[in-house]
Every structure is written in C-alpha cells, then in structure tokens.
Amino acid sequence: MQERTRKIRSDKKKEIRPYLASVHRMWIHRIARYLQSPEGEVGVSLVETALGHASCLEHFQDYYKRPYQYGNLTLFPKPNRKEIESYLVVKGERDRYKMKFTQPTVMKIEDFQLALGTSFLAHATHALLKYALYEDDIIERVAPGFNATEMRVPPLLKAKVKSFSTDKSNPWNIVK
C-alpha cells in the first residue's frame, strides 16, 4: 500500500503557544493598545522583526548548539555555550500566549530552533519574543513612536511619579 501525504496550503497558519511571563504579556498588551491591533498580531510582528534583526541573532550566538545561517551570514556556536533553558526561565506568574505564523516564518523559526538545540518551537519563539520586548529598536520598528521605556515602568511607580512635587524647600517632599 502506498501512503498518501497530505498537501499543506502555503497560506495556512500554524499556531505556536509559548509560555510567557505575565509582565511580558502586559507589555504586549500596551503595544497592542497603542497600535489598535490584536495582541497576537503584535507578538507575531515582534518575533518576525527579531528574526530579521542582526543584533538579536548575534545575542543568541552564546546559546547556539549548531551553526545558524541567515541570508549570507553564518553564525557559529561559541566554545563555552550557555543552555537556552537558562534564558527561558519564567519567574512569577505565566500563561500561554497564542500566535499564528505563516509557513515561511515557521520555517525560519524552525531553523532558529535547530541552531539553539531545543526540541520545541515554543521555546525558540519565547526566546525571540523575550529579546524583542527588551530591545527598543525592535519595538520602534513594530510600533513607531511608542515609548518602550515607559512601557516597562510598573503601574504603581507611574502613579507615584505623576504626583511628583516640585517644591524645592523640602527635599523629602518628593512624592505626595
């Protein structure tokens, strides 16, 4: 008997659901509100931009287990490589974050996953997303004009900063 292989549509999207810290999810939500677009699309844009960003790929060179080729650039693993699991540690609350990628993007993430030596696409996606959220240049490309530094300030600290006193006579009167 011959086994039939099913054809996969090229425009079919694949769902990847990495674990994400609640803080990172909140940051993505802030960017999504600024852009007035769904959170999933913002996550996809961040990952795709990170995949095309040279500093991101060079940052993960410390974690590569195998050579990673991007265009005409080949990045080789460093001799004292780190384990990617140490980068993926999520402290505090976490939950799944759903993103849907096109087939060409999934193939790029698979190549990145193989270079990292991890068994799961979600781990490679989580690493790219986490890096993108801490890189102002990537956020600026995804959301032009968005203040990434303000995004990372906790809400309680924002409330204190808004009530900042400019009274110079009492130096301890910083926060009302």
Protein backbone atom coordinates (compact mmCIF):
# COMPACT_ATOMS: atom_id res chain seq x y z
CA MET A 1 0.00 0.00 0.00
CA GLN A 2 1.08 3.50 -0.73
CA GLU A 3 0.87 6.07 1.96
CA ARG A 4 -0.73 9.33 0.96
CA THR A 5 0.89 12.55 2.03
CA ARG A 6 -1.43 15.42 2.62
CA LYS A 7 -0.70 18.69 0.96
CA ILE A 8 -0.35 21.69 3.23
CA ARG A 9 -1.63 25.03 2.00
CA SER A 10 1.11 27.62 1.83
CA ASP A 11 -1.15 30.28 3.32
CA LYS A 12 -2.16 28.06 6.25
CA LYS A 13 -1.07 29.48 9.58
CA LYS A 14 0.50 27.44 12.35
CA GLU A 15 -0.29 28.17 15.97
CA ILE A 16 2.61 28.42 18.43
CA ARG A 17 1.83 28.92 22.11
CA PRO A 18 4.90 29.67 24.25
CA TYR A 19 4.71 30.27 27.98
CA LEU A 20 5.10 33.96 28.70
CA ALA A 21 5.56 35.89 31.94
CA SER A 22 2.55 37.98 32.92
CA VAL A 23 4.71 41.11 32.84
CA HIS A 24 5.68 40.47 29.21
CA ARG A 25 2.06 39.79 28.33
CA MET A 26 1.14 43.15 29.86
CA TRP A 27 3.84 44.87 27.77
CA ILE A 28 2.49 43.28 24.59
CA HIS A 29 -1.00 44.40 25.60
CA ARG A 30 0.24 48.01 25.94
CA ILE A 31 1.83 47.90 22.48
CA ALA A 32 -1.37 46.37 21.04
CA ARG A 33 -3.49 49.15 22.55
CA TYR A 34 -1.13 51.76 21.11
CA LEU A 35 -1.33 50.15 17.65
CA GLN A 36 -5.04 49.34 18.00
CA SER A 37 -4.45 45.78 16.80
CA PRO A 38 -4.85 42.31 18.35
CA GLU A 39 -2.21 41.09 20.80
CA GLY A 40 -1.47 38.00 18.69
CA GLU A 41 -0.57 40.11 15.66
CA VAL A 42 1.73 42.28 17.78
CA GLY A 43 3.52 39.17 19.05
CA VAL A 44 3.94 37.85 15.51
CA SER A 45 5.35 41.21 14.37
CA LEU A 46 7.81 41.28 17.28
CA VAL A 47 9.05 37.74 16.54
CA GLU A 48 9.36 38.35 12.79
CA THR A 49 11.25 41.60 13.39
CA ALA A 50 13.56 39.89 15.88
CA LEU A 51 14.29 37.13 13.34
CA GLY A 52 15.46 39.76 10.87
CA HIS A 53 17.45 41.77 13.40
CA ALA A 54 21.22 41.12 13.30
CA SER A 55 21.87 42.07 16.94
CA CYS A 56 19.24 39.57 18.08
CA LEU A 57 20.81 36.74 16.13
CA GLU A 58 24.26 37.68 17.43
CA HIS A 59 22.93 37.84 21.00
CA PHE A 60 21.80 34.22 20.79
CA GLN A 61 25.16 33.11 19.40
CA ASP A 62 26.11 32.34 23.02
CA TYR A 63 23.29 29.76 23.07
CA TYR A 64 23.73 28.17 19.61
CA LYS A 65 24.42 24.47 19.54
CA ARG A 66 24.71 24.36 15.73
CA PRO A 67 25.62 26.98 13.11
CA TYR A 68 22.78 29.32 12.17
CA GLN A 69 22.57 30.76 8.68
CA TYR A 70 20.65 33.93 7.98
CA GLY A 71 20.90 35.15 4.39
CA ASN A 72 24.60 35.29 3.58
CA LEU A 73 25.56 35.48 7.27
CA THR A 74 26.54 32.30 9.14
CA LEU A 75 26.83 32.44 12.92
CA PHE A 76 28.80 29.65 14.57
CA PRO A 77 28.34 28.50 18.17
CA LYS A 78 30.79 29.79 20.75
CA PRO A 79 33.00 27.28 22.60
CA ASN A 80 31.57 27.96 26.08
CA ARG A 81 27.93 27.99 25.12
CA LYS A 82 25.08 28.59 27.56
CA GLU A 83 21.95 26.48 27.81
CA ILE A 84 18.90 28.19 26.31
CA GLU A 85 16.78 26.98 29.25
CA SER A 86 18.63 29.46 31.49
CA TYR A 87 17.36 32.31 29.25
CA LEU A 88 13.81 30.94 29.15
CA VAL A 89 13.23 30.85 32.92
CA VAL A 90 9.91 32.50 33.76
CA LYS A 91 9.68 33.84 37.31
CA GLY A 92 6.30 34.58 38.79
CA GLU A 93 3.00 34.11 37.02
CA ARG A 94 3.00 32.77 33.49
CA ASP A 95 0.48 31.66 30.92
CA ARG A 96 0.29 30.56 27.31
CA TYR A 97 0.41 33.23 24.63
CA LYS A 98 -1.13 32.26 21.29
CA MET A 99 0.35 33.42 17.99
CA LYS A 100 -0.34 32.25 14.44
CA PHE A 101 2.54 32.29 11.96
CA THR A 102 2.65 31.85 8.20
CA GLN A 103 4.54 28.85 6.81
CA PRO A 104 7.67 30.81 5.70
CA THR A 105 8.02 32.35 9.17
CA VAL A 106 7.57 28.94 10.82
CA MET A 107 10.40 27.60 8.66
CA LYS A 108 12.67 30.44 9.85
CA ILE A 109 11.74 29.74 13.48
CA GLU A 110 12.45 26.03 12.91
CA ASP A 111 15.94 26.89 11.63
CA PHE A 112 16.49 29.07 14.70
CA GLN A 113 15.17 26.29 16.93
CA LEU A 114 17.64 23.79 15.44
CA ALA A 115 20.52 26.21 15.99
CA LEU A 116 19.51 26.60 19.64
CA GLY A 117 19.26 22.84 20.04
CA THR A 118 15.84 22.93 21.68
CA SER A 119 13.09 20.43 20.91
CA PHE A 120 10.19 22.86 20.85
CA LEU A 121 9.17 25.70 18.55
CA ALA A 122 7.57 27.40 21.54
CA HIS A 123 10.97 27.71 23.26
CA ALA A 124 12.59 29.38 20.25
CA THR A 125 9.57 31.67 19.85
CA HIS A 126 9.64 32.57 23.54
CA ALA A 127 13.35 33.46 23.32
CA LEU A 128 12.78 35.72 20.30
CA LEU A 129 9.75 37.40 21.87
CA LYS A 130 11.52 38.00 25.17
CA TYR A 131 14.52 39.53 23.40
CA ALA A 132 12.28 41.74 21.26
CA LEU A 133 10.47 43.14 24.31
CA TYR A 134 13.74 44.35 25.83
CA GLU A 135 15.16 45.82 22.60
CA ASP A 136 13.96 49.38 21.96
CA ASP A 137 14.97 49.29 18.29
CA ILE A 138 12.71 46.29 17.57
CA ILE A 139 9.77 47.87 19.40
CA GLU A 140 10.33 51.10 17.46
CA ARG A 141 10.15 49.16 14.18
CA VAL A 142 6.92 47.42 15.19
CA ALA A 143 5.28 50.43 16.86
CA PRO A 144 6.80 53.70 15.59
CA GLY A 145 6.59 56.48 18.17
CA PHE A 146 5.81 54.12 21.07
CA ASN A 147 7.73 54.88 24.30
CA ALA A 148 9.21 51.48 25.21
CA THR A 149 10.92 52.78 28.35
CA GLU A 150 7.63 53.96 29.82
CA MET A 151 6.07 50.60 28.94
CA ARG A 152 8.45 48.84 31.34
CA VAL A 153 7.64 51.07 34.36
CA PRO A 154 5.34 49.30 36.84
CA PRO A 155 1.88 50.92 37.20
CA LEU A 156 2.32 51.73 40.93
CA LEU A 157 5.57 53.56 40.22
CA LYS A 158 3.85 55.52 37.45
CA ALA A 159 1.23 56.72 39.93
CA LYS A 160 3.95 57.96 42.30
CA VAL A 161 5.87 59.68 39.53
CA LYS A 162 2.72 61.51 38.36
CA SER A 163 2.31 63.04 41.81
CA PHE A 164 5.88 64.34 41.87
CA SER A 165 6.32 67.51 43.88
CA THR A 166 8.49 70.36 42.58
CA ASP A 167 8.70 72.07 45.97
CA LYS A 168 12.47 72.76 46.40
CA SER A 169 12.21 73.94 50.01
CA ASN A 170 11.69 70.41 51.34
CA PRO A 171 13.92 67.79 49.64
CA TRP A 172 12.00 64.89 51.28
CA ASN A 173 8.76 66.00 49.71
CA ILE A 174 9.41 64.05 46.51
CA VAL A 175 6.19 62.06 46.50
CA LYS A 176 2.93 63.43 47.91
